Protein backbone atom coordinates (compact mmCIF):
# COMPACT_ATOMS: atom_id res chain seq x y z
CA ILE A 1 83.16 91.87 65.45
CA LEU A 2 84.37 95.27 66.16
CA LEU A 3 86.30 97.80 64.27
CA ASP A 4 88.63 100.35 65.11
CA LYS A 5 88.29 103.93 63.06
CA ASP A 6 90.12 102.98 60.08
CA GLY A 7 87.89 100.12 59.69
CA LYS A 8 90.07 97.94 60.58
CA ARG A 9 89.25 94.67 62.44
CA LYS A 10 90.04 95.70 66.13
CA HIS A 11 91.30 93.51 68.56
CA THR A 12 89.15 92.20 71.41
CA ARG A 13 90.66 90.96 75.47
CA PRO A 14 89.59 86.92 75.50
CA THR A 15 87.85 86.51 78.66
CA PHE A 16 88.07 82.74 80.21
CA SER A 17 85.87 81.27 82.32
CA GLY A 18 86.30 80.63 85.97
CA GLN A 19 86.45 76.52 85.47
CA GLN A 20 89.53 77.66 82.58
CA ILE A 21 91.35 80.12 85.03
CA PHE A 22 91.04 77.31 87.62
CA ALA A 23 92.71 74.37 85.62
CA LEU A 24 95.22 77.19 83.86
CA GLU A 25 95.90 78.00 87.55
CA LYS A 26 96.30 74.42 88.98
CA THR A 27 98.48 73.38 85.94
CA PHE A 28 100.47 76.36 87.37
CA GLU A 29 101.12 75.21 90.86
CA GLN A 30 102.33 71.87 89.41
CA THR A 31 104.61 73.55 86.47
CA LYS A 32 105.72 77.30 85.57
CA TYR A 33 106.73 76.11 81.48
CA LEU A 34 104.73 73.79 80.02
CA ALA A 35 106.26 72.34 77.24
CA GLY A 36 104.84 72.10 73.22
CA PRO A 37 102.65 69.19 73.20
CA GLU A 38 101.65 70.02 77.25
CA ARG A 39 100.40 73.10 76.10
CA ALA A 40 98.50 71.88 73.19
CA ARG A 41 96.66 69.17 75.16
CA LEU A 42 96.02 71.61 77.70
CA ALA A 43 94.54 73.86 75.67
CA TYR A 44 92.38 71.67 73.97
CA SER A 45 90.81 70.28 76.76
CA LEU A 46 90.13 73.80 78.09
CA GLY A 47 88.73 74.76 74.64
CA MET A 48 91.12 77.50 73.85
CA THR A 49 94.32 78.39 71.22
CA GLU A 50 97.63 77.44 71.95
CA SER A 51 98.30 80.95 71.81
CA GLN A 52 96.07 82.14 74.80
CA VAL A 53 97.17 79.42 77.15
CA LYS A 54 100.93 80.92 76.27
CA VAL A 55 100.59 84.18 76.89
CA TRP A 56 98.31 83.24 79.62
CA PHE A 57 101.37 81.59 81.00
CA GLN A 58 104.03 84.26 80.07
CA ASN A 59 101.41 86.76 82.03
CA ARG A 60 101.06 84.85 84.99
CA ARG A 61 105.01 84.12 85.07
CA THR A 62 105.78 87.56 85.22
CA LYS A 63 102.58 88.24 88.18
CA TRP A 64 104.47 85.26 89.88
CA ARG A 65 107.81 86.73 90.14
CA LYS A 66 106.83 90.63 90.91
CA LYS A 67 104.70 88.91 93.84
CA HIS A 68 107.77 86.63 94.28
CA ALA A 69 110.32 89.76 94.45
CA ALA A 70 107.64 91.93 96.57
CA GLU A 71 108.11 88.93 99.50
CA MET A 72 111.30 88.69 98.95
CA ALA A 73 112.11 92.40 99.42
CA THR A 74 110.04 92.60 102.72
CA ALA A 75 111.81 89.48 103.89
CA LYS A 76 115.35 91.51 103.14
CA LYS A 77 113.67 94.44 104.81
CA LYS A 78 112.29 92.80 108.04
CA GLN A 79 115.49 90.64 108.84
CA ASP A 80 117.79 94.13 108.34
CA SER A 81 115.77 95.59 111.18
CA GLU A 82 116.73 92.68 113.06
CA THR A 83 119.69 93.37 112.62
CA GLU A 84 119.94 96.25 113.47
CA ARG A 85 118.03 96.03 116.51
CA LEU A 86 120.78 93.27 117.25
CA LYS A 87 123.44 95.41 116.96
CA GLY A 88 121.57 98.17 118.77
CA ALA A 89 121.30 96.00 121.87
CA SER A 90 124.87 94.80 121.35
CA GLU A 91 126.29 97.89 121.48
CA ASN A 92 124.24 98.74 124.30
CA GLU A 93 125.96 95.55 126.07
CA GLU A 94 129.04 97.23 125.50
CA GLU A 95 127.88 100.26 126.74
CA ASP A 96 126.57 98.64 129.98
CA ASP A 97 130.07 97.14 130.33
CA ASP A 98 131.41 100.78 130.85
CA TYR A 99 128.74 101.53 133.13
CA ASN A 100 129.57 98.66 135.24
CA LYS A 101 132.51 98.64 135.78
CA PRO A 102 133.72 99.87 139.72
CA LEU A 103 134.94 103.62 138.84
CA ASP A 104 138.27 104.88 139.66
CA PRO A 105 138.12 107.51 141.97
CA ASN A 106 140.39 109.71 140.19
CA SER A 107 138.41 109.02 137.51
CA ASP A 108 136.98 112.29 136.12
CA ASP A 109 133.39 113.32 136.57
CA GLU A 110 132.23 113.63 133.12
CA LYS A 111 132.57 110.51 133.09
CA ILE A 112 130.20 109.65 135.81
CA THR A 113 127.95 112.34 134.51
CA GLN A 114 128.03 111.22 130.69
CA LEU A 115 126.90 107.28 132.38
CA LEU A 116 124.35 108.49 135.09
CA LYS A 117 122.59 110.22 131.83
CA LYS A 118 122.99 107.71 129.42
CA HIS A 119 121.34 105.67 132.43
CA LYS A 120 118.35 107.15 133.89
CA PRO A 121 116.20 104.98 136.35
CA GLY A 122 112.61 105.60 135.22
CA GLY A 123 111.41 108.43 138.13
CA SER A 124 112.98 106.73 141.17
CA GLY A 125 116.29 105.85 141.61
CA LEU A 126 119.71 107.47 143.86
CA LEU A 127 119.94 111.26 143.31
CA LEU A 128 123.43 112.63 144.02
CA HIS A 129 122.34 115.74 145.98
CA PRO A 130 118.67 116.00 146.61
CA PRO A 131 116.76 119.73 145.38
CA GLU A 132 116.84 122.44 147.41
CA GLY A 133 115.39 122.58 150.50
CA GLU A 134 115.15 118.72 150.67
CA THR A 135 117.15 116.75 152.72
CA SER A 136 118.41 112.99 152.48
CA ALA A 137 117.45 111.07 154.99
């Protein structure tokens, strides 16, 4: 028996055997809540008190909820980023529609310049004005 500094009995944390934990986890997989008689039967079969089984289930449900909440948050982030990606793709398609429309010869040069900047080819492509010193063939 452990005593605290005032000489009172100190509460020690129970340690459960691997077999007890295994049985508790298996039961938890089947049901998250135990009614009184089920709890009493499980406690008796594992050599534990009903209070220990009750508290173990309370703690295990808390752990399960936290894990479930974290998984849901991760799934939501993934879904939100996918939604943003798809939204961005559809906006780009709308911009591409402008790019694919025939240009009005009377249109101002600013719009043409913006479209060309937006859709620069990667390295090779059409040059409107060849660099100085070069002539177009």
